[in-house]
Amino acid sequence: MAPAWDTFGKRLTECRKAKNLSQKELAEAFVTSHTTIGKYERDEMIPSIDAAKKLANILNTSVGYLLGENQQSDLFKDPLMLKRFQDIATLPEKDRECLLTTVDHFIKSAKISLM
């Protein structure tokens, strides 16, 4: 049996949060209700293969990661983004916190402007 943290629902939640999406926002992109996303995340309902593929595409990860077949998420498919995050990881903690706070504010502002 897979560890509790290694379920489809837990991985879906992890990927959704990594993309800074609410259940409602993911549901809108997936064209379903937020209650369905909630059921997936609580492992109360398992999506079809096609639905899992669509979720993986929206979250920029692989179906294999969501299903627990591989341990590493494909959240960083873009090598330039991966390199940037690796560079950020080498910065002093104070600089990292400042940079991530700036990025968080930018993302929030961008989401608001899309509404």
N, C-alpha and C. Protein backbone atom coordinates (compact mmCIF):
# COMPACT_ATOMS: atom_id res chain seq x y z
N MET A 1 0.85 -1.19 0.00
CA MET A 1 0.00 0.00 0.00
C MET A 1 0.89 1.25 0.00
N ALA A 2 0.51 2.23 -0.78
CA ALA A 2 1.29 3.47 -0.89
C ALA A 2 1.13 4.29 0.39
N PRO A 3 2.18 5.01 0.79
CA PRO A 3 2.04 5.89 1.95
C PRO A 3 0.92 6.90 1.71
N ALA A 4 0.31 7.38 2.78
CA ALA A 4 -0.82 8.31 2.67
C ALA A 4 -0.48 9.56 1.86
N TRP A 5 0.77 9.99 1.94
CA TRP A 5 1.17 11.21 1.22
C TRP A 5 1.43 10.94 -0.25
N ASP A 6 1.37 9.66 -0.64
CA ASP A 6 1.75 9.28 -2.00
C ASP A 6 0.54 8.82 -2.81
N THR A 7 -0.59 9.48 -2.61
CA THR A 7 -1.79 9.13 -3.34
C THR A 7 -2.00 10.11 -4.48
N PHE A 8 -2.88 9.73 -5.40
CA PHE A 8 -3.23 10.64 -6.49
C PHE A 8 -3.70 11.98 -5.93
N GLY A 9 -4.59 11.91 -4.94
CA GLY A 9 -5.14 13.14 -4.38
C GLY A 9 -4.10 14.05 -3.76
N LYS A 10 -3.17 13.46 -3.02
CA LYS A 10 -2.11 14.26 -2.39
C LYS A 10 -1.21 14.90 -3.45
N ARG A 11 -0.90 14.14 -4.48
CA ARG A 11 -0.05 14.68 -5.55
C ARG A 11 -0.78 15.75 -6.35
N LEU A 12 -2.07 15.54 -6.58
CA LEU A 12 -2.87 16.55 -7.27
C LEU A 12 -2.89 17.85 -6.45
N THR A 13 -3.12 17.72 -5.15
CA THR A 13 -3.13 18.89 -4.27
C THR A 13 -1.79 19.60 -4.31
N GLU A 14 -0.70 18.84 -4.22
CA GLU A 14 0.65 19.41 -4.25
C GLU A 14 0.87 20.21 -5.54
N CYS A 15 0.51 19.62 -6.67
CA CYS A 15 0.72 20.29 -7.96
C CYS A 15 -0.16 21.53 -8.09
N ARG A 16 -1.41 21.43 -7.63
CA ARG A 16 -2.32 22.58 -7.70
C ARG A 16 -1.77 23.74 -6.87
N LYS A 17 -1.32 23.43 -5.67
CA LYS A 17 -0.78 24.48 -4.79
C LYS A 17 0.52 25.05 -5.35
N ALA A 18 1.33 24.20 -5.96
CA ALA A 18 2.59 24.67 -6.56
C ALA A 18 2.32 25.67 -7.68
N LYS A 19 1.18 25.53 -8.34
CA LYS A 19 0.80 26.47 -9.41
C LYS A 19 -0.01 27.64 -8.86
N ASN A 20 -0.14 27.70 -7.52
CA ASN A 20 -0.90 28.77 -6.85
C ASN A 20 -2.33 28.86 -7.35
N LEU A 21 -2.96 27.71 -7.53
CA LEU A 21 -4.35 27.66 -7.97
C LEU A 21 -5.25 27.22 -6.82
N SER A 22 -6.42 27.79 -6.75
CA SER A 22 -7.42 27.31 -5.80
C SER A 22 -8.13 26.12 -6.45
N GLN A 23 -8.90 25.38 -5.66
CA GLN A 23 -9.69 24.29 -6.24
C GLN A 23 -10.66 24.85 -7.28
N LYS A 24 -11.22 26.00 -6.99
CA LYS A 24 -12.18 26.62 -7.91
C LYS A 24 -11.50 26.97 -9.24
N GLU A 25 -10.29 27.55 -9.16
CA GLU A 25 -9.57 27.92 -10.39
C GLU A 25 -9.20 26.69 -11.21
N LEU A 26 -8.76 25.63 -10.53
CA LEU A 26 -8.45 24.39 -11.25
C LEU A 26 -9.72 23.82 -11.87
N ALA A 27 -10.81 23.85 -11.13
CA ALA A 27 -12.08 23.34 -11.64
C ALA A 27 -12.52 24.10 -12.89
N GLU A 28 -12.34 25.41 -12.89
CA GLU A 28 -12.72 26.21 -14.06
C GLU A 28 -11.87 25.84 -15.27
N ALA A 29 -10.57 25.65 -15.06
CA ALA A 29 -9.69 25.27 -16.17
C ALA A 29 -10.01 23.86 -16.66
N PHE A 30 -10.43 23.01 -15.75
CA PHE A 30 -10.74 21.61 -16.05
C PHE A 30 -12.17 21.44 -16.56
N VAL A 31 -12.98 22.49 -16.40
CA VAL A 31 -14.40 22.52 -16.77
C VAL A 31 -15.17 21.46 -15.97
N THR A 32 -15.12 21.64 -14.65
CA THR A 32 -15.87 20.80 -13.72
C THR A 32 -16.17 21.64 -12.49
N SER A 33 -16.73 21.03 -11.48
CA SER A 33 -17.02 21.76 -10.24
C SER A 33 -15.85 21.64 -9.26
N HIS A 34 -15.78 22.60 -8.35
CA HIS A 34 -14.72 22.52 -7.34
C HIS A 34 -14.94 21.34 -6.40
N THR A 35 -16.20 20.89 -6.29
CA THR A 35 -16.46 19.72 -5.44
C THR A 35 -15.84 18.46 -6.05
N THR A 36 -15.82 18.37 -7.37
CA THR A 36 -15.17 17.23 -8.03
C THR A 36 -13.67 17.26 -7.76
N ILE A 37 -13.06 18.43 -7.88
CA ILE A 37 -11.62 18.56 -7.59
C ILE A 37 -11.37 18.17 -6.13
N GLY A 38 -12.22 18.62 -5.23
CA GLY A 38 -12.09 18.26 -3.81
C GLY A 38 -12.16 16.76 -3.60
N LYS A 39 -13.07 16.10 -4.30
CA LYS A 39 -13.19 14.63 -4.18
C LYS A 39 -11.94 13.94 -4.71
N TYR A 40 -11.39 14.45 -5.82
CA TYR A 40 -10.13 13.89 -6.33
C TYR A 40 -9.03 14.06 -5.29
N GLU A 41 -8.94 15.25 -4.70
CA GLU A 41 -7.86 15.54 -3.75
C GLU A 41 -8.00 14.74 -2.46
N ARG A 42 -9.21 14.41 -2.08
CA ARG A 42 -9.43 13.59 -0.87
C ARG A 42 -9.43 12.10 -1.19
N ASP A 43 -9.15 11.76 -2.45
CA ASP A 43 -9.15 10.37 -2.92
C ASP A 43 -10.50 9.69 -2.72
N GLU A 44 -11.57 10.47 -2.81
CA GLU A 44 -12.92 9.93 -2.73
C GLU A 44 -13.42 9.53 -4.11
N MET A 45 -12.74 10.02 -5.14
CA MET A 45 -13.12 9.74 -6.51
C MET A 45 -11.84 9.70 -7.34
N ILE A 46 -11.75 8.74 -8.24
CA ILE A 46 -10.58 8.61 -9.10
C ILE A 46 -10.98 9.06 -10.51
N PRO A 47 -10.19 9.95 -11.12
CA PRO A 47 -10.54 10.42 -12.46
C PRO A 47 -10.26 9.35 -13.51
N SER A 48 -10.93 9.47 -14.64
CA SER A 48 -10.64 8.58 -15.77
C SER A 48 -9.24 8.89 -16.28
N ILE A 49 -8.73 8.04 -17.15
CA ILE A 49 -7.40 8.27 -17.73
C ILE A 49 -7.39 9.59 -18.49
N ASP A 50 -8.43 9.84 -19.28
CA ASP A 50 -8.49 11.10 -20.03
C ASP A 50 -8.53 12.31 -19.09
N ALA A 51 -9.28 12.19 -17.99
CA ALA A 51 -9.34 13.29 -17.03
C ALA A 51 -7.99 13.50 -16.36
N ALA A 52 -7.30 12.41 -16.01
CA ALA A 52 -5.97 12.52 -15.39
C ALA A 52 -4.99 13.19 -16.36
N LYS A 53 -5.09 12.85 -17.65
CA LYS A 53 -4.22 13.48 -18.65
C LYS A 53 -4.49 14.98 -18.73
N LYS A 54 -5.76 15.34 -18.71
CA LYS A 54 -6.13 16.76 -18.79
C LYS A 54 -5.64 17.51 -17.55
N LEU A 55 -5.81 16.91 -16.37
CA LEU A 55 -5.32 17.54 -15.14
C LEU A 55 -3.81 17.72 -15.18
N ALA A 56 -3.11 16.68 -15.63
CA ALA A 56 -1.64 16.76 -15.72
C ALA A 56 -1.23 17.87 -16.67
N ASN A 57 -1.93 18.00 -17.78
CA ASN A 57 -1.62 19.05 -18.75
C ASN A 57 -1.85 20.44 -18.15
N ILE A 58 -2.96 20.62 -17.48
CA ILE A 58 -3.28 21.91 -16.86
C ILE A 58 -2.22 22.27 -15.82
N LEU A 59 -1.76 21.26 -15.07
CA LEU A 59 -0.81 21.50 -13.98
C LEU A 59 0.64 21.39 -14.42
N ASN A 60 0.83 21.18 -15.73
CA ASN A 60 2.18 21.09 -16.30
C ASN A 60 3.03 20.03 -15.60
N THR A 61 2.43 18.86 -15.41
CA THR A 61 3.13 17.73 -14.83
C THR A 61 2.79 16.51 -15.67
N SER A 62 3.21 15.34 -15.23
CA SER A 62 2.92 14.13 -15.99
C SER A 62 1.86 13.29 -15.28
N VAL A 63 1.14 12.50 -16.06
CA VAL A 63 0.18 11.57 -15.48
C VAL A 63 0.94 10.60 -14.57
N GLY A 64 2.13 10.20 -15.01
CA GLY A 64 2.94 9.29 -14.20
C GLY A 64 3.22 9.84 -12.82
N TYR A 65 3.49 11.13 -12.73
CA TYR A 65 3.73 11.72 -11.41
C TYR A 65 2.44 11.70 -10.58
N LEU A 66 1.33 12.11 -11.17
CA LEU A 66 0.07 12.13 -10.43
C LEU A 66 -0.32 10.74 -9.94
N LEU A 67 0.00 9.72 -10.74
CA LEU A 67 -0.34 8.34 -10.37
C LEU A 67 0.69 7.69 -9.46
N GLY A 68 1.78 8.40 -9.18
CA GLY A 68 2.80 7.85 -8.30
C GLY A 68 3.78 6.94 -8.98
N GLU A 69 3.80 6.95 -10.32
CA GLU A 69 4.72 6.08 -11.05
C GLU A 69 6.14 6.61 -11.06
N ASN A 70 6.30 7.92 -10.95
CA ASN A 70 7.64 8.49 -10.84
C ASN A 70 7.65 9.46 -9.68
N GLN A 71 8.79 9.57 -9.05
CA GLN A 71 8.91 10.34 -7.81
C GLN A 71 9.07 11.83 -8.03
N GLN A 72 9.48 12.23 -9.20
CA GLN A 72 9.76 13.64 -9.43
C GLN A 72 8.70 14.25 -10.34
N SER A 73 8.16 15.35 -9.89
CA SER A 73 7.17 16.05 -10.69
C SER A 73 7.83 16.70 -11.90
N ASP A 74 7.07 16.85 -12.95
CA ASP A 74 7.56 17.55 -14.13
C ASP A 74 7.13 19.02 -14.09
N LEU A 75 7.01 19.57 -12.88
CA LEU A 75 6.60 20.96 -12.76
C LEU A 75 7.57 21.90 -13.46
N PHE A 76 8.82 21.45 -13.60
CA PHE A 76 9.83 22.28 -14.23
C PHE A 76 10.24 21.69 -15.58
N LYS A 77 9.28 21.57 -16.48
CA LYS A 77 9.58 21.06 -17.82
C LYS A 77 10.47 22.04 -18.58
N ASP A 78 10.33 23.31 -18.30
CA ASP A 78 11.11 24.35 -18.97
C ASP A 78 12.48 24.43 -18.32
N PRO A 79 13.55 24.08 -19.04
CA PRO A 79 14.89 24.08 -18.45
C PRO A 79 15.33 25.44 -17.92
N LEU A 80 14.87 26.52 -18.54
CA LEU A 80 15.22 27.86 -18.05
C LEU A 80 14.59 28.14 -16.68
N MET A 81 13.35 27.69 -16.50
CA MET A 81 12.71 27.88 -15.20
C MET A 81 13.42 27.05 -14.14
N LEU A 82 13.76 25.82 -14.48
CA LEU A 82 14.47 24.96 -13.53
C LEU A 82 15.79 25.61 -13.13
N LYS A 83 16.53 26.13 -14.10
CA LYS A 83 17.81 26.78 -13.82
C LYS A 83 17.62 27.97 -12.90
N ARG A 84 16.59 28.75 -13.15
CA ARG A 84 16.33 29.92 -12.30
C ARG A 84 16.04 29.50 -10.86
N PHE A 85 15.22 28.46 -10.71
CA PHE A 85 14.91 28.01 -9.35
C PHE A 85 16.13 27.42 -8.66
N GLN A 86 16.99 26.76 -9.42
CA GLN A 86 18.23 26.25 -8.83
C GLN A 86 19.12 27.42 -8.40
N ASP A 87 19.18 28.46 -9.21
CA ASP A 87 19.97 29.64 -8.85
C ASP A 87 19.41 30.32 -7.60
N ILE A 88 18.09 30.42 -7.53
CA ILE A 88 17.46 31.02 -6.35
C ILE A 88 17.80 30.23 -5.10
N ALA A 89 17.83 28.91 -5.22
CA ALA A 89 18.12 28.05 -4.07
C ALA A 89 19.52 28.29 -3.51
N THR A 90 20.43 28.83 -4.31
CA THR A 90 21.80 29.07 -3.84
C THR A 90 21.97 30.44 -3.18
N LEU A 91 20.95 31.28 -3.26
CA LEU A 91 21.04 32.62 -2.66
C LEU A 91 20.97 32.53 -1.14
N PRO A 92 21.50 33.54 -0.46
CA PRO A 92 21.32 33.59 1.00
C PRO A 92 19.83 33.64 1.33
N GLU A 93 19.46 33.11 2.48
CA GLU A 93 18.05 32.99 2.85
C GLU A 93 17.31 34.32 2.78
N LYS A 94 17.91 35.38 3.25
CA LYS A 94 17.25 36.70 3.24
C LYS A 94 16.94 37.13 1.81
N ASP A 95 17.88 36.92 0.89
CA ASP A 95 17.66 37.27 -0.52
C ASP A 95 16.58 36.39 -1.15
N ARG A 96 16.58 35.09 -0.81
CA ARG A 96 15.55 34.17 -1.33
C ARG A 96 14.18 34.63 -0.88
N GLU A 97 14.04 34.93 0.41
CA GLU A 97 12.75 35.36 0.94
C GLU A 97 12.27 36.63 0.26
N CYS A 98 13.16 37.57 0.06
CA CYS A 98 12.81 38.83 -0.61
C CYS A 98 12.35 38.57 -2.05
N LEU A 99 13.11 37.75 -2.76
CA LEU A 99 12.78 37.44 -4.15
C LEU A 99 11.45 36.70 -4.25
N LEU A 100 11.24 35.71 -3.38
CA LEU A 100 10.00 34.94 -3.42
C LEU A 100 8.79 35.79 -3.03
N THR A 101 8.98 36.72 -2.10
CA THR A 101 7.90 37.64 -1.75
C THR A 101 7.53 38.50 -2.95
N THR A 102 8.53 38.98 -3.66
CA THR A 102 8.30 39.78 -4.86
C THR A 102 7.56 38.97 -5.92
N VAL A 103 7.99 37.73 -6.13
CA VAL A 103 7.34 36.86 -7.11
C VAL A 103 5.89 36.60 -6.69
N ASP A 104 5.65 36.33 -5.40
CA ASP A 104 4.28 36.09 -4.92
C ASP A 104 3.39 37.30 -5.19
N HIS A 105 3.90 38.49 -4.93
CA HIS A 105 3.12 39.71 -5.19
C HIS A 105 2.84 39.88 -6.68
N PHE A 106 3.82 39.59 -7.51
CA PHE A 106 3.64 39.70 -8.96
C PHE A 106 2.58 38.72 -9.44
N ILE A 107 2.64 37.47 -8.97
CA ILE A 107 1.66 36.46 -9.38
C ILE A 107 0.26 36.87 -8.94
N LYS A 108 0.13 37.32 -7.71
CA LYS A 108 -1.18 37.76 -7.20
C LYS A 108 -1.71 38.91 -8.05
N SER A 109 -0.86 39.86 -8.36
CA SER A 109 -1.26 41.01 -9.17
C SER A 109 -1.67 40.56 -10.58
N ALA A 110 -0.93 39.63 -11.15
CA ALA A 110 -1.24 39.13 -12.49
C ALA A 110 -2.59 38.41 -12.49
N LYS A 111 -2.87 37.62 -11.45
CA LYS A 111 -4.15 36.91 -11.35
C LYS A 111 -5.30 37.90 -11.25
N ILE A 112 -5.11 38.94 -10.46
CA ILE A 112 -6.16 39.95 -10.29
C ILE A 112 -6.44 40.65 -11.62
N SER A 113 -5.39 40.94 -12.37
CA SER A 113 -5.58 41.64 -13.65
C SER A 113 -6.26 40.75 -14.69
N LEU A 114 -6.21 39.43 -14.50
CA LEU A 114 -6.87 38.51 -15.43
C LEU A 114 -8.37 38.39 -15.17
N MET A 115 -8.81 38.84 -14.01
CA MET A 115 -10.23 38.70 -13.63
C MET A 115 -11.09 39.67 -14.36
